């Protein structure tokens, strides 16, 4: 029998041994293709994992930066509010002191009028 490439195949080449050799060669090729596909998929998975990790880190950095900025603004707002309240307290304390002084003077004047010069 003659093959496509012109070589002659004897009866001993065609049979169970030849089928087994062809079958194991096909199995080897199939395993090679499967291993190559697995390697490609693993490489793609690693690349995707790296991209997801990078994106997550960028998002985390952005969130931390935003949170820090908001916290700084909040601290500044609270400090401003505290200063306003402290000024208001000081103003009210001064008003209280002025009012007490006025009442004290009025009471002294009334007491002086009551105790005034003895009647003649």
PDB file of N, CA and C in Angstrom:
ATOM      1  N   UNK A   1       0.847  -1.154   0.000  1.00  0.00           N
ATOM      2  CA  UNK A   1       0.000   0.000   0.000  1.00  0.00           C
ATOM      3  C   UNK A   1       0.902   1.230   0.000  1.00  0.00           C
ATOM      4  N   UNK A   2       0.518   2.329  -0.750  1.00  0.00           N
ATOM      5  CA  UNK A   2       1.308   3.536  -0.871  1.00  0.00           C
ATOM      6  C   UNK A   2       0.548   4.679  -0.195  1.00  0.00           C
ATOM      7  N   UNK A   3       1.312   5.512   0.585  1.00  0.00           N
ATOM      8  CA  UNK A   3       0.686   6.639   1.279  1.00  0.00           C
ATOM      9  C   UNK A   3       0.750   7.872   0.408  1.00  0.00           C
ATOM     10  N   UNK A   4       0.192   8.962   0.874  1.00  0.00           N
ATOM     11  CA  UNK A   4       0.162  10.206   0.126  1.00  0.00           C
ATOM     12  C   UNK A   4       1.553  10.763  -0.124  1.00  0.00           C
ATOM     13  N   UNK A   5       2.484  10.528   0.784  1.00  0.00           N
ATOM     14  CA  UNK A   5       3.821  11.063   0.602  1.00  0.00           C
ATOM     15  C   UNK A   5       4.700  10.164  -0.251  1.00  0.00           C
ATOM     16  N   UNK A   6       4.153   9.073  -0.745  1.00  0.00           N
ATOM     17  CA  UNK A   6       4.877   8.198  -1.645  1.00  0.00           C
ATOM     18  C   UNK A   6       5.576   7.049  -0.962  1.00  0.00           C
ATOM     19  N   UNK A   7       5.539   6.975   0.360  1.00  0.00           N
ATOM     20  CA  UNK A   7       6.194   5.866   1.044  1.00  0.00           C
ATOM     21  C   UNK A   7       5.291   4.649   1.002  1.00  0.00           C
ATOM     22  N   UNK A   8       5.918   3.535   1.160  1.00  0.00           N
ATOM     23  CA  UNK A   8       5.170   2.288   1.101  1.00  0.00           C
ATOM     24  C   UNK A   8       4.902   1.816   2.501  1.00  0.00           C
ATOM     25  N   UNK A   9       3.673   1.426   2.722  1.00  0.00           N
ATOM     26  CA  UNK A   9       3.267   0.924   4.020  1.00  0.00           C
ATOM     27  C   UNK A   9       3.018  -0.556   3.863  1.00  0.00           C
ATOM     28  N   UNK A  10       3.661  -1.312   4.715  1.00  0.00           N
ATOM     29  CA  UNK A  10       3.461  -2.760   4.642  1.00  0.00           C
ATOM     30  C   UNK A  10       2.283  -3.130   5.507  1.00  0.00           C
ATOM     31  N   UNK A  11       1.890  -4.342   5.417  1.00  0.00           N
ATOM     32  CA  UNK A  11       0.755  -4.829   6.193  1.00  0.00           C
ATOM     33  C   UNK A  11       1.019  -4.758   7.672  1.00  0.00           C
ATOM     34  N   UNK A  12       2.289  -4.867   8.052  1.00  0.00           N
ATOM     35  CA  UNK A  12       2.575  -4.832   9.486  1.00  0.00           C
ATOM     36  C   UNK A  12       2.465  -3.415  10.039  1.00  0.00           C
ATOM     37  N   UNK A  13       2.585  -2.381   9.135  1.00  0.00           N
ATOM     38  CA  UNK A  13       2.463  -0.999   9.577  1.00  0.00           C
ATOM     39  C   UNK A  13       1.004  -0.593   9.779  1.00  0.00           C
ATOM     40  N   UNK A  14       0.119  -1.304   9.149  1.00  0.00           N
ATOM     41  CA  UNK A  14      -1.296  -0.972   9.241  1.00  0.00           C
ATOM     42  C   UNK A  14      -1.938  -2.001  10.143  1.00  0.00           C
ATOM     43  N   UNK A  15      -2.443  -1.563  11.250  1.00  0.00           N
ATOM     44  CA  UNK A  15      -3.063  -2.510  12.154  1.00  0.00           C
ATOM     45  C   UNK A  15      -3.179  -1.910  13.543  1.00  0.00           C
ATOM     46  N   UNK A  16      -3.349  -2.760  14.536  1.00  0.00           N
ATOM     47  CA  UNK A  16      -3.560  -2.281  15.886  1.00  0.00           C
ATOM     48  C   UNK A  16      -2.388  -1.452  16.404  1.00  0.00           C
ATOM     49  N   UNK A  17      -1.156  -1.827  16.110  1.00  0.00           N
ATOM     50  CA  UNK A  17      -0.005  -1.073  16.599  1.00  0.00           C
ATOM     51  C   UNK A  17       0.012   0.309  15.976  1.00  0.00           C
ATOM     52  N   UNK A  18      -0.281   0.382  14.700  1.00  0.00           N
ATOM     53  CA  UNK A  18      -0.301   1.674  14.007  1.00  0.00           C
ATOM     54  C   UNK A  18      -1.439   2.529  14.535  1.00  0.00           C
ATOM     55  N   UNK A  19      -2.581   1.940  14.797  1.00  0.00           N
ATOM     56  CA  UNK A  19      -3.720   2.664  15.350  1.00  0.00           C
ATOM     57  C   UNK A  19      -3.389   3.182  16.748  1.00  0.00           C
ATOM     58  N   UNK A  20      -2.696   2.385  17.544  1.00  0.00           N
ATOM     59  CA  UNK A  20      -2.314   2.793  18.885  1.00  0.00           C
ATOM     60  C   UNK A  20      -1.327   3.944  18.818  1.00  0.00           C
ATOM     61  N   UNK A  21      -0.374   3.865  17.886  1.00  0.00           N
ATOM     62  CA  UNK A  21       0.608   4.940  17.737  1.00  0.00           C
ATOM     63  C   UNK A  21      -0.092   6.215  17.286  1.00  0.00           C
ATOM     64  N   UNK A  22      -0.992   6.094  16.328  1.00  0.00           N
ATOM     65  CA  UNK A  22      -1.748   7.270  15.881  1.00  0.00           C
ATOM     66  C   UNK A  22      -2.614   7.809  17.011  1.00  0.00           C
ATOM     67  N   UNK A  23      -3.227   6.935  17.782  1.00  0.00           N
ATOM     68  CA  UNK A  23      -4.078   7.336  18.908  1.00  0.00           C
ATOM     69  C   UNK A  23      -3.268   8.017  19.995  1.00  0.00           C
ATOM     70  N   UNK A  24      -2.079   7.482  20.318  1.00  0.00           N
ATOM     71  CA  UNK A  24      -1.281   8.118  21.365  1.00  0.00           C
ATOM     72  C   UNK A  24      -0.676   9.417  20.857  1.00  0.00           C
ATOM     73  N   UNK A  25      -0.377   9.497  19.571  1.00  0.00           N
ATOM     74  CA  UNK A  25       0.100  10.765  18.998  1.00  0.00           C
ATOM     75  C   UNK A  25      -0.993  11.821  19.046  1.00  0.00           C
ATOM     76  N   UNK A  26      -2.202  11.415  18.724  1.00  0.00           N
ATOM     77  CA  UNK A  26      -3.337  12.345  18.778  1.00  0.00           C
ATOM     78  C   UNK A  26      -3.594  12.771  20.216  1.00  0.00           C
ATOM     79  N   UNK A  27      -3.491  11.814  21.134  1.00  0.00           N
ATOM     80  CA  UNK A  27      -3.683  12.138  22.543  1.00  0.00           C
ATOM     81  C   UNK A  27      -2.600  13.101  23.013  1.00  0.00           C
ATOM     82  N   UNK A  28      -1.377  12.897  22.579  1.00  0.00           N
ATOM     83  CA  UNK A  28      -0.272  13.781  22.955  1.00  0.00           C
ATOM     84  C   UNK A  28      -0.520  15.181  22.408  1.00  0.00           C
ATOM     85  N   UNK A  29      -0.964  15.272  21.157  1.00  0.00           N
ATOM     86  CA  UNK A  29      -1.274  16.580  20.559  1.00  0.00           C
ATOM     87  C   UNK A  29      -2.425  17.250  21.312  1.00  0.00           C
ATOM     88  N   UNK A  30      -3.424  16.453  21.673  1.00  0.00           N
ATOM     89  CA  UNK A  30      -4.560  16.975  22.414  1.00  0.00           C
ATOM     90  C   UNK A  30      -4.119  17.494  23.785  1.00  0.00           C
ATOM     91  N   UNK A  31      -3.245  16.744  24.447  1.00  0.00           N
ATOM     92  CA  UNK A  31      -2.731  17.194  25.741  1.00  0.00           C
ATOM     93  C   UNK A  31      -1.900  18.464  25.592  1.00  0.00           C
ATOM     94  N   UNK A  32      -1.130  18.538  24.526  1.00  0.00           N
ATOM     95  CA  UNK A  32      -0.311  19.733  24.267  1.00  0.00           C
ATOM     96  C   UNK A  32      -1.200  20.954  24.043  1.00  0.00           C
ATOM     97  N   UNK A  33      -2.256  20.773  23.262  1.00  0.00           N
ATOM     98  CA  UNK A  33      -3.199  21.874  23.004  1.00  0.00           C
ATOM     99  C   UNK A  33      -3.899  22.273  24.301  1.00  0.00           C
ATOM    100  N   UNK A  34      -4.314  21.294  25.092  1.00  0.00           N
ATOM    101  CA  UNK A  34      -4.988  21.573  26.357  1.00  0.00           C
ATOM    102  C   UNK A  34      -4.051  22.315  27.307  1.00  0.00           C
ATOM    103  N   UNK A  35      -2.784  21.895  27.350  1.00  0.00           N
ATOM    104  CA  UNK A  35      -1.815  22.563  28.222  1.00  0.00           C
ATOM    105  C   UNK A  35      -1.583  23.992  27.762  1.00  0.00           C
ATOM    106  N   UNK A  36      -1.484  24.193  26.451  1.00  0.00           N
ATOM    107  CA  UNK A  36      -1.300  25.544  25.907  1.00  0.00           C
ATOM    108  C   UNK A  36      -2.512  26.409  26.222  1.00  0.00           C
ATOM    109  N   UNK A  37      -3.709  25.862  26.053  1.00  0.00           N
ATOM    110  CA  UNK A  37      -4.937  26.608  26.386  1.00  0.00           C
ATOM    111  C   UNK A  37      -4.988  26.940  27.872  1.00  0.00           C
ATOM    112  N   UNK A  38      -4.597  25.994  28.698  1.00  0.00           N
ATOM    113  CA  UNK A  38      -4.586  26.235  30.145  1.00  0.00           C
ATOM    114  C   UNK A  38      -3.595  27.338  30.487  1.00  0.00           C
ATOM    115  N   UNK A  39      -2.414  27.307  29.868  1.00  0.00           N
ATOM    116  CA  UNK A  39      -1.416  28.355  30.114  1.00  0.00           C
ATOM    117  C   UNK A  39      -1.942  29.721  29.682  1.00  0.00           C
ATOM    118  N   UNK A  40      -2.593  29.766  28.505  1.00  0.00           N
ATOM    119  CA  UNK A  40      -3.148  31.034  28.014  1.00  0.00           C
ATOM    120  C   UNK A  40      -4.237  31.549  28.959  1.00  0.00           C
ATOM    121  N   UNK A  41      -5.107  30.656  29.393  1.00  0.00           N
ATOM    122  CA  UNK A  41      -6.179  31.054  30.311  1.00  0.00           C
ATOM    123  C   UNK A  41      -5.611  31.526  31.642  1.00  0.00           C
ATOM    124  N   UNK A  42      -4.587  30.836  32.123  1.00  0.00           N
ATOM    125  CA  UNK A  42      -3.950  31.235  33.374  1.00  0.00           C
ATOM    126  C   UNK A  42      -3.301  32.609  33.227  1.00  0.00           C
ATOM    127  N   UNK A  43      -2.651  32.845  32.108  1.00  0.00           N
ATOM    128  CA  UNK A  43      -2.032  34.154  31.859  1.00  0.00           C
ATOM    129  C   UNK A  43      -3.090  35.246  31.774  1.00  0.00           C
ATOM    130  N   UNK A  44      -4.199  34.969  31.096  1.00  0.00           N
ATOM    131  CA  UNK A  44      -5.287  35.941  31.009  1.00  0.00           C
ATOM    132  C   UNK A  44      -5.884  36.214  32.392  1.00  0.00           C
ATOM    133  N   UNK A  45      -6.046  35.162  33.181  1.00  0.00           N
ATOM    134  CA  UNK A  45      -6.606  35.324  34.521  1.00  0.00           C
ATOM    135  C   UNK A  45      -5.679  36.162  35.393  1.00  0.00           C
ATOM    136  N   UNK A  46      -4.389  35.911  35.283  1.00  0.00           N
ATOM    137  CA  UNK A  46      -3.430  36.708  36.064  1.00  0.00           C
ATOM    138  C   UNK A  46      -3.444  38.163  35.621  1.00  0.00           C
ATOM    139  N   UNK A  47      -3.510  38.400  34.307  1.00  0.00           N
ATOM    140  CA  UNK A  47      -3.554  39.768  33.802  1.00  0.00           C
ATOM    141  C   UNK A  47      -4.827  40.469  34.299  1.00  0.00           C
ATOM    142  N   UNK A  48      -5.946  39.755  34.259  1.00  0.00           N
ATOM    143  CA  UNK A  48      -7.203  40.341  34.728  1.00  0.00           C
ATOM    144  C   UNK A  48      -7.145  40.610  36.232  1.00  0.00           C
ATOM    145  N   UNK A  49      -6.558  39.691  36.981  1.00  0.00           N
ATOM    146  CA  UNK A  49      -6.421  39.881  38.430  1.00  0.00           C
ATOM    147  C   UNK A  49      -5.527  41.088  38.719  1.00  0.00           C
ATOM    148  N   UNK A  50      -4.436  41.219  37.964  1.00  0.00           N
ATOM    149  CA  UNK A  50      -3.551  42.373  38.146  1.00  0.00           C
ATOM    150  C   UNK A  50      -4.285  43.672  37.840  1.00  0.00           C
ATOM    151  N   UNK A  51      -5.082  43.681  36.781  1.00  0.00           N
ATOM    152  CA  UNK A  51      -5.838  44.877  36.404  1.00  0.00           C
ATOM    153  C   UNK A  51      -6.878  45.210  37.473  1.00  0.00           C
ATOM    154  N   UNK A  52      -7.566  44.199  37.970  1.00  0.00           N
ATOM    155  CA  UNK A  52      -8.559  44.428  39.027  1.00  0.00           C
ATOM    156  C   UNK A  52      -7.893  44.950  40.297  1.00  0.00           C
ATOM    157  N   UNK A  53      -6.736  44.394  40.625  1.00  0.00           N
ATOM    158  CA  UNK A  53      -6.003  44.860  41.810  1.00  0.00           C
ATOM    159  C   UNK A  53      -5.571  46.308  41.641  1.00  0.00           C
ATOM    160  N   UNK A  54      -5.059  46.641  40.455  1.00  0.00           N
ATOM    161  CA  UNK A  54      -4.622  48.013  40.179  1.00  0.00           C
ATOM    162  C   UNK A  54      -5.808  48.966  40.276  1.00  0.00           C
ATOM    163  N   UNK A  55      -6.927  48.585  39.667  1.00  0.00           N
ATOM    164  CA  UNK A  55      -8.119  49.441  39.700  1.00  0.00           C
ATOM    165  C   UNK A  55      -8.628  49.602  41.142  1.00  0.00           C
ATOM    166  N   UNK A  56      -8.600  48.522  41.908  1.00  0.00           N
ATOM    167  CA  UNK A  56      -9.056  48.593  43.298  1.00  0.00           C
ATOM    168  C   UNK A  56      -8.145  49.509  44.116  1.00  0.00           C
ATOM    169  N   UNK A  57      -6.852  49.420  43.883  1.00  0.00           N
ATOM    170  CA  UNK A  57      -5.923  50.295  44.606  1.00  0.00           C
ATOM    171  C   UNK A  57      -6.148  51.760  44.231  1.00  0.00           C
ATOM    172  N   UNK A  58      -6.351  52.014  42.941  1.00  0.00           N
ATOM    173  CA  UNK A  58      -6.619  53.389  42.517  1.00  0.00           C
ATOM    174  C   UNK A  58      -7.894  53.913  43.173  1.00  0.00           C
ATOM    175  N   UNK A  59      -8.924  53.086  43.195  1.00  0.00           N
ATOM    176  CA  UNK A  59     -10.203  53.491  43.807  1.00  0.00           C
ATOM    177  C   UNK A  59     -10.016  53.727  45.306  1.00  0.00           C
ATOM    178  N   UNK A  60      -9.273  52.847  45.955  1.00  0.00           N
ATOM    179  CA  UNK A  60      -9.010  53.008  47.391  1.00  0.00           C
ATOM    180  C   UNK A  60      -8.232  54.298  47.645  1.00  0.00           C
ATOM    181  N   UNK A  61      -7.220  54.562  46.826  1.00  0.00           N
ATOM    182  CA  UNK A  61      -6.451  55.805  46.980  1.00  0.00           C
ATOM    183  C   UNK A  61      -7.346  57.021  46.790  1.00  0.00           C
ATOM    184  N   UNK A  62      -8.224  56.961  45.795  1.00  0.00           N
ATOM    185  CA  UNK A  62      -9.138  58.072  45.537  1.00  0.00           C
ATOM    186  C   UNK A  62     -10.078  58.278  46.723  1.00  0.00           C
ATOM    187  N   UNK A  63     -10.608  57.182  47.252  1.00  0.00           N
ATOM    188  CA  UNK A  63     -11.521  57.281  48.395  1.00  0.00           C
ATOM    189  C   UNK A  63     -10.814  57.827  49.634  1.00  0.00           C
ATOM    190  N   UNK A  64      -9.583  57.369  49.864  1.00  0.00           N
ATOM    191  CA  UNK A  64      -8.827  57.857  51.019  1.00  0.00           C
ATOM    192  C   UNK A  64      -8.538  59.343  50.861  1.00  0.00           C
ATOM    193  N   UNK A  65      -8.147  59.750  49.652  1.00  0.00           N
ATOM    194  CA  UNK A  65      -7.862  61.166  49.406  1.00  0.00           C
ATOM    195  C   UNK A  65      -9.117  62.003  49.631  1.00  0.00           C
ATOM    196  N   UNK A  66     -10.238  61.537  49.118  1.00  0.00           N
ATOM    197  CA  UNK A  66     -11.509  62.247  49.299  1.00  0.00           C
ATOM    198  C   UNK A  66     -11.883  62.317  50.779  1.00  0.00           C
ATOM    199  N   UNK A  67     -11.738  61.210  51.485  1.00  0.00           N
ATOM    200  CA  UNK A  67     -12.081  61.187  52.914  1.00  0.00           C
ATOM    201  C   UNK A  67     -11.188  62.137  53.706  1.00  0.00           C
ATOM    202  N   UNK A  68      -9.904  62.148  53.379  1.00  0.00           N
ATOM    203  CA  UNK A  68      -8.991  63.055  54.083  1.00  0.00           C
ATOM    204  C   UNK A  68      -9.356  64.511  53.815  1.00  0.00           C
ATOM    205  N   UNK A  69      -9.689  64.800  52.573  1.00  0.00           N
ATOM    206  CA  UNK A  69     -10.074  66.164  52.212  1.00  0.00           C
ATOM    207  C   UNK A  69     -11.348  66.576  52.957  1.00  0.00           C
ATOM    208  N   UNK A  70     -12.319  65.681  52.980  1.00  0.00           N
ATOM    209  CA  UNK A  70     -13.567  65.977  53.685  1.00  0.00           C
ATOM    210  C   UNK A  70     -13.321  66.140  55.180  1.00  0.00           C
ATOM    211  N   UNK A  71     -12.470  65.306  55.749  1.00  0.00           N
ATOM    212  CA  UNK A  71     -12.161  65.408  57.180  1.00  0.00           C
ATOM    213  C   UNK A  71     -11.467  66.732  57.484  1.00  0.00           C
ATOM    214  N   UNK A  72     -10.551  67.127  56.617  1.00  0.00           N
ATOM    215  CA  UNK A  72      -9.846  68.398  56.810  1.00  0.00           C
ATOM    216  C   UNK A  72     -10.826  69.564  56.738  1.00  0.00           C
ATOM    217  N   UNK A  73     -11.738  69.520  55.771  1.00  0.00           N
ATOM    218  CA  UNK A  73     -12.740  70.578  55.634  1.00  0.00           C
ATOM    219  C   UNK A  73     -13.652  70.607  56.853  1.00  0.00           C
ATOM    220  N   UNK A  74     -14.040  69.434  57.327  1.00  0.00           N
ATOM    221  CA  UNK A  74     -14.904  69.348  58.501  1.00  0.00           C
ATOM    222  C   UNK A  74     -14.197  69.922  59.729  1.00  0.00           C
ATOM    223  N   UNK A  75     -12.912  69.589  59.892  1.00  0.00           N
ATOM    224  CA  UNK A  75     -12.155  70.155  61.022  1.00  0.00           C
ATOM    225  C   UNK A  75     -12.095  71.670  60.927  1.00  0.00           C
ATOM    226  N   UNK A  76     -11.864  72.191  59.712  1.00  0.00           N
ATOM    227  CA  UNK A  76     -11.799  73.648  59.533  1.00  0.00           C
ATOM    228  C   UNK A  76     -13.152  74.281  59.853  1.00  0.00           C
ATOM    229  N   UNK A  77     -14.232  73.653  59.382  1.00  0.00           N
ATOM    230  CA  UNK A  77     -15.576  74.171  59.669  1.00  0.00           C
ATOM    231  C   UNK A  77     -15.865  74.154  61.168  1.00  0.00           C
ATOM    232  N   UNK A  78     -15.492  73.058  61.815  1.00  0.00           N
ATOM    233  CA  UNK A  78     -15.725  72.961  63.263  1.00  0.00           C
ATOM    234  C   UNK A  78     -14.890  73.985  64.031  1.00  0.00           C
ATOM    235  N   UNK A  79     -13.667  74.207  63.605  1.00  0.00           N
ATOM    236  CA  UNK A  79     -12.820  75.202  64.268  1.00  0.00           C
ATOM    237  C   UNK A  79     -13.417  76.600  64.098  1.00  0.00           C
ATOM    238  N   UNK A  80     -13.926  76.876  62.903  1.00  0.00           N
ATOM    239  CA  UNK A  80     -14.573  78.171  62.647  1.00  0.00           C
ATOM    240  C   UNK A  80     -15.814  78.334  63.525  1.00  0.00           C
ATOM    241  N   UNK A  81     -16.605  77.267  63.620  1.00  0.00           N
ATOM    242  CA  UNK A  81     -17.808  77.303  64.454  1.00  0.00           C
ATOM    243  C   UNK A  81     -17.431  77.495  65.927  1.00  0.00           C
ATOM    244  N   UNK A  82     -16.385  76.804  66.368  1.00  0.00           N
ATOM    245  CA  UNK A  82     -15.933  76.945  67.756  1.00  0.00           C
ATOM    246  C   UNK A  82     -15.496  78.385  68.027  1.00  0.00           C
ATOM    247  N   UNK A  83     -14.782  78.986  67.082  1.00  0.00           N
ATOM    248  CA  UNK A  83     -14.338  80.372  67.254  1.00  0.00           C
ATOM    249  C   UNK A  83     -15.545  81.313  67.332  1.00  0.00           C
ATOM    250  N   UNK A  84     -16.552  81.083  66.469  1.00  0.00           N
ATOM    251  CA  UNK A  84     -17.770  81.909  66.512  1.00  0.00           C
ATOM    252  C   UNK A  84     -18.477  81.765  67.853  1.00  0.00           C
ATOM    253  N   UNK A  85     -18.587  80.549  68.308  1.00  0.00           N
ATOM    254  CA  UNK A  85     -19.276  80.314  69.585  1.00  0.00           C
ATOM    255  C   UNK A  85     -18.494  80.925  70.742  1.00  0.00           C
ATOM    256  N   UNK A  86     -17.179  80.807  70.705  1.00  0.00           N
ATOM    257  CA  UNK A  86     -16.354  81.409  71.763  1.00  0.00           C
ATOM    258  C   UNK A  86     -16.525  82.923  71.774  1.00  0.00           C
ATOM    259  N   UNK A  87     -16.565  83.524  70.593  1.00  0.00           N
ATOM    260  CA  UNK A  87     -16.779  84.970  70.506  1.00  0.00           C
ATOM    261  C   UNK A  87     -18.160  85.345  71.050  1.00  0.00           C
ATOM    262  N   UNK A  88     -19.156  84.537  70.725  1.00  0.00           N
ATOM    263  CA  UNK A  88     -20.515  84.795  71.221  1.00  0.00           C
ATOM    264  C   UNK A  88     -20.557  84.664  72.743  1.00  0.00           C
ATOM    265  N   UNK A  89     -19.889  83.675  73.285  1.00  0.00           N
ATOM    266  CA  UNK A  89     -19.840  83.501  74.740  1.00  0.00           C
ATOM    267  C   UNK A  89     -19.171  84.712  75.389  1.00  0.00           C
ATOM    268  N   UNK A  90     -18.048  85.146  74.806  1.00  0.00           N
ATOM    269  CA  UNK A  90     -17.347  86.316  75.359  1.00  0.00           C
ATOM    270  C   UNK A  90     -18.245  87.547  75.311  1.00  0.00           C
ATOM    271  N   UNK A  91     -18.978  87.724  74.195  1.00  0.00           N
ATOM    272  CA  UNK A  91     -19.900  88.861  74.070  1.00  0.00           C
ATOM    273  C   UNK A  91     -20.986  88.789  75.126  1.00  0.00           C
ATOM    274  N   UNK A  92     -21.562  87.617  75.320  1.00  0.00           N
ATOM    275  CA  UNK A  92     -22.621  87.454  76.323  1.00  0.00           C
ATOM    276  C   UNK A  92     -22.090  87.661  77.740  1.00  0.00           C
ATOM    277  N   UNK A  93     -20.880  87.201  77.994  1.00  0.00           N
ATOM    278  CA  UNK A  93     -20.295  87.415  79.322  1.00  0.00           C
ATOM    279  C   UNK A  93     -20.070  88.909  79.577  1.00  0.00           C
ATOM    280  N   UNK A  94     -19.641  89.611  78.553  1.00  0.00           N
ATOM    281  CA  UNK A  94     -19.447  91.056  78.695  1.00  0.00           C
ATOM    282  C   UNK A  94     -20.781  91.749  78.929  1.00  0.00           C
ATOM    283  N   UNK A  95     -21.824  91.324  78.189  1.00  0.00           N
ATOM    284  CA  UNK A  95     -23.155  91.889  78.405  1.00  0.00           C
ATOM    285  C   UNK A  95     -23.620  91.628  79.834  1.00  0.00           C
ATOM    286  N   UNK A  96     -23.372  90.416  80.309  1.00  0.00           N
ATOM    287  CA  UNK A  96     -23.762  90.069  81.679  1.00  0.00           C
ATOM    288  C   UNK A  96     -23.053  90.990  82.674  1.00  0.00           C
ATOM    289  N   UNK A  97     -21.759  91.166  82.486  1.00  0.00           N
ATOM    290  CA  UNK A  97     -20.989  92.015  83.402  1.00  0.00           C
ATOM    291  C   UNK A  97     -21.491  93.463  83.358  1.00  0.00           C
ATOM    292  N   UNK A  98     -21.748  93.968  82.149  1.00  0.00           N
ATOM    293  CA  UNK A  98     -22.278  95.334  82.014  1.00  0.00           C
ATOM    294  C   UNK A  98     -23.638  95.458  82.706  1.00  0.00           C
ATOM    295  N   UNK A  99     -24.497  94.482  82.498  1.00  0.00           N
ATOM    296  CA  UNK A  99     -25.830  94.507  83.110  1.00  0.00           C
ATOM    297  C   UNK A  99     -25.716  94.463  84.635  1.00  0.00           C
ATOM    298  N   UNK A 100     -24.855  93.607  85.145  1.00  0.00           N
ATOM    299  CA  UNK A 100     -24.661  93.526  86.609  1.00  0.00           C
ATOM    300  C   UNK A 100     -24.181  94.882  87.162  1.00  0.00           C
ATOM    301  N   UNK A 101     -23.256  95.499  86.438  1.00  0.00           N
ATOM    302  CA  UNK A 101     -22.721  96.791  86.889  1.00  0.00           C
ATOM    303  C   UNK A 101     -23.820  97.851  86.887  1.00  0.00           C
ATOM    304  N   UNK A 102     -24.649  97.867  85.857  1.00  0.00           N
ATOM    305  CA  UNK A 102     -25.760  98.816  85.780  1.00  0.00           C
ATOM    306  C   UNK A 102     -26.733  98.596  86.928  1.00  0.00           C
ATOM    307  N   UNK A 103     -27.099  97.337  87.171  1.00  0.00           N
ATOM    308  CA  UNK A 103     -28.038  97.019  88.252  1.00  0.00           C
ATOM    309  C   UNK A 103     -27.419  97.401  89.595  1.00  0.00           C
ATOM    310  N   UNK A 104     -26.131  97.120  89.764  1.00  0.00           N
ATOM    311  CA  UNK A 104     -25.444  97.471  91.014  1.00  0.00           C
ATOM    312  C   UNK A 104     -25.513  98.983  91.253  1.00  0.00           C
ATOM    313  N   UNK A 105     -25.222  99.776  90.192  1.00  0.00           N
ATOM    314  CA  UNK A 105     -25.267 101.247  90.322  1.00  0.00           C
ATOM    315  C   UNK A 105     -26.685 101.708  90.664  1.00  0.00           C
ATOM    316  N   UNK A 106     -27.683 101.141  89.984  1.00  0.00           N
ATOM    317  CA  UNK A 106     -29.069 101.529  90.235  1.00  0.00           C
ATOM    318  C   UNK A 106     -29.465 101.199  91.682  1.00  0.00           C
ATOM    319  N   UNK A 107     -29.056 100.030  92.141  1.00  0.00           N
ATOM    320  CA  UNK A 107     -29.384  99.657  93.516  1.00  0.00           C
ATOM    321  C   UNK A 107     -28.688 100.586  94.514  1.00  0.00           C
ATOM    322  N   UNK A 108     -27.452 100.944  94.232  1.00  0.00           N
ATOM    323  CA  UNK A 108     -26.739 101.876  95.113  1.00  0.00           C
ATOM    324  C   UNK A 108     -27.444 103.222  95.133  1.00  0.00           C
ATOM    325  N   UNK A 109     -27.869 103.686  93.947  1.00  0.00           N
ATOM    326  CA  UNK A 109     -28.579 104.972  93.870  1.00  0.00           C
ATOM    327  C   UNK A 109     -29.888 104.899  94.652  1.00  0.00           C
ATOM    328  N   UNK A 110     -30.635 103.814  94.499  1.00  0.00           N
ATOM    329  CA  UNK A 110     -31.892 103.669  95.236  1.00  0.00           C
ATOM    330  C   UNK A 110     -31.627 103.607  96.737  1.00  0.00           C
ATOM    331  N   UNK A 111     -30.602 102.852  97.114  1.00  0.00           N
ATOM    332  CA  UNK A 111     -30.262 102.761  98.530  1.00  0.00           C
ATOM    333  C   UNK A 111     -29.870 104.139  99.080  1.00  0.00           C
ATOM    334  N   UNK A 112     -29.119 104.879  98.274  1.00  0.00           N
ATOM    335  CA  UNK A 112     -28.719 106.238  98.703  1.00  0.00           C
ATOM    336  C   UNK A 112     -29.958 107.118  98.853  1.00  0.00           C
ATOM    337  N   UNK A 113     -30.935 106.973  97.959  1.00  0.00           N
ATOM    338  CA  UNK A 113     -32.159 107.769  98.052  1.00  0.00           C
ATOM    339  C   UNK A 113     -32.960 107.377  99.290  1.00  0.00           C
ATOM    340  N   UNK A 114     -33.014 106.090  99.563  1.00  0.00           N
ATOM    341  CA  UNK A 114     -33.783 105.623 100.729  1.00  0.00           C
ATOM    342  C   UNK A 114     -33.101 106.097 102.011  1.00  0.00           C
ATOM    343  N   UNK A 115     -31.807 105.943 102.056  1.00  0.00           N
ATOM    344  CA  UNK A 115     -31.096 106.330 103.268  1.00  0.00           C
ATOM    345  C   UNK A 115     -30.821 107.828 103.301  1.00  0.00           C
ATOM    346  N   UNK A 116     -31.022 108.531 102.243  1.00  0.00           N
ATOM    347  CA  UNK A 116     -30.830 109.954 102.072  1.00  0.00           C
ATOM    348  C   UNK A 116     -30.599 110.756 103.357  1.00  0.00           C
ATOM    349  N   UNK A 117     -30.545 112.030 103.248  1.00  0.00           N
ATOM    350  CA  UNK A 117     -30.295 112.862 104.422  1.00  0.00           C
ATOM    351  C   UNK A 117     -31.450 112.737 105.400  1.00  0.00           C
ATOM    352  N   UNK A 118     -31.157 112.756 106.643  1.00  0.00           N
ATOM    353  CA  UNK A 118     -32.233 112.611 107.616  1.00  0.00           C
ATOM    354  C   UNK A 118     -33.184 113.803 107.506  1.00  0.00           C
ATOM    355  N   UNK A 119     -34.429 113.566 107.782  1.00  0.00           N
ATOM    356  CA  UNK A 119     -35.400 114.640 107.673  1.00  0.00           C
ATOM    357  C   UNK A 119     -35.143 115.703 108.751  1.00  0.00           C
ATOM    358  N   UNK A 120     -35.390 116.879 108.468  1.00  0.00           N
ATOM    359  CA  UNK A 120     -35.147 117.943 109.423  1.00  0.00           C
ATOM    360  C   UNK A 120     -36.361 118.330 110.200  1.00  0.00           C
TER     361      UNK A 120
END
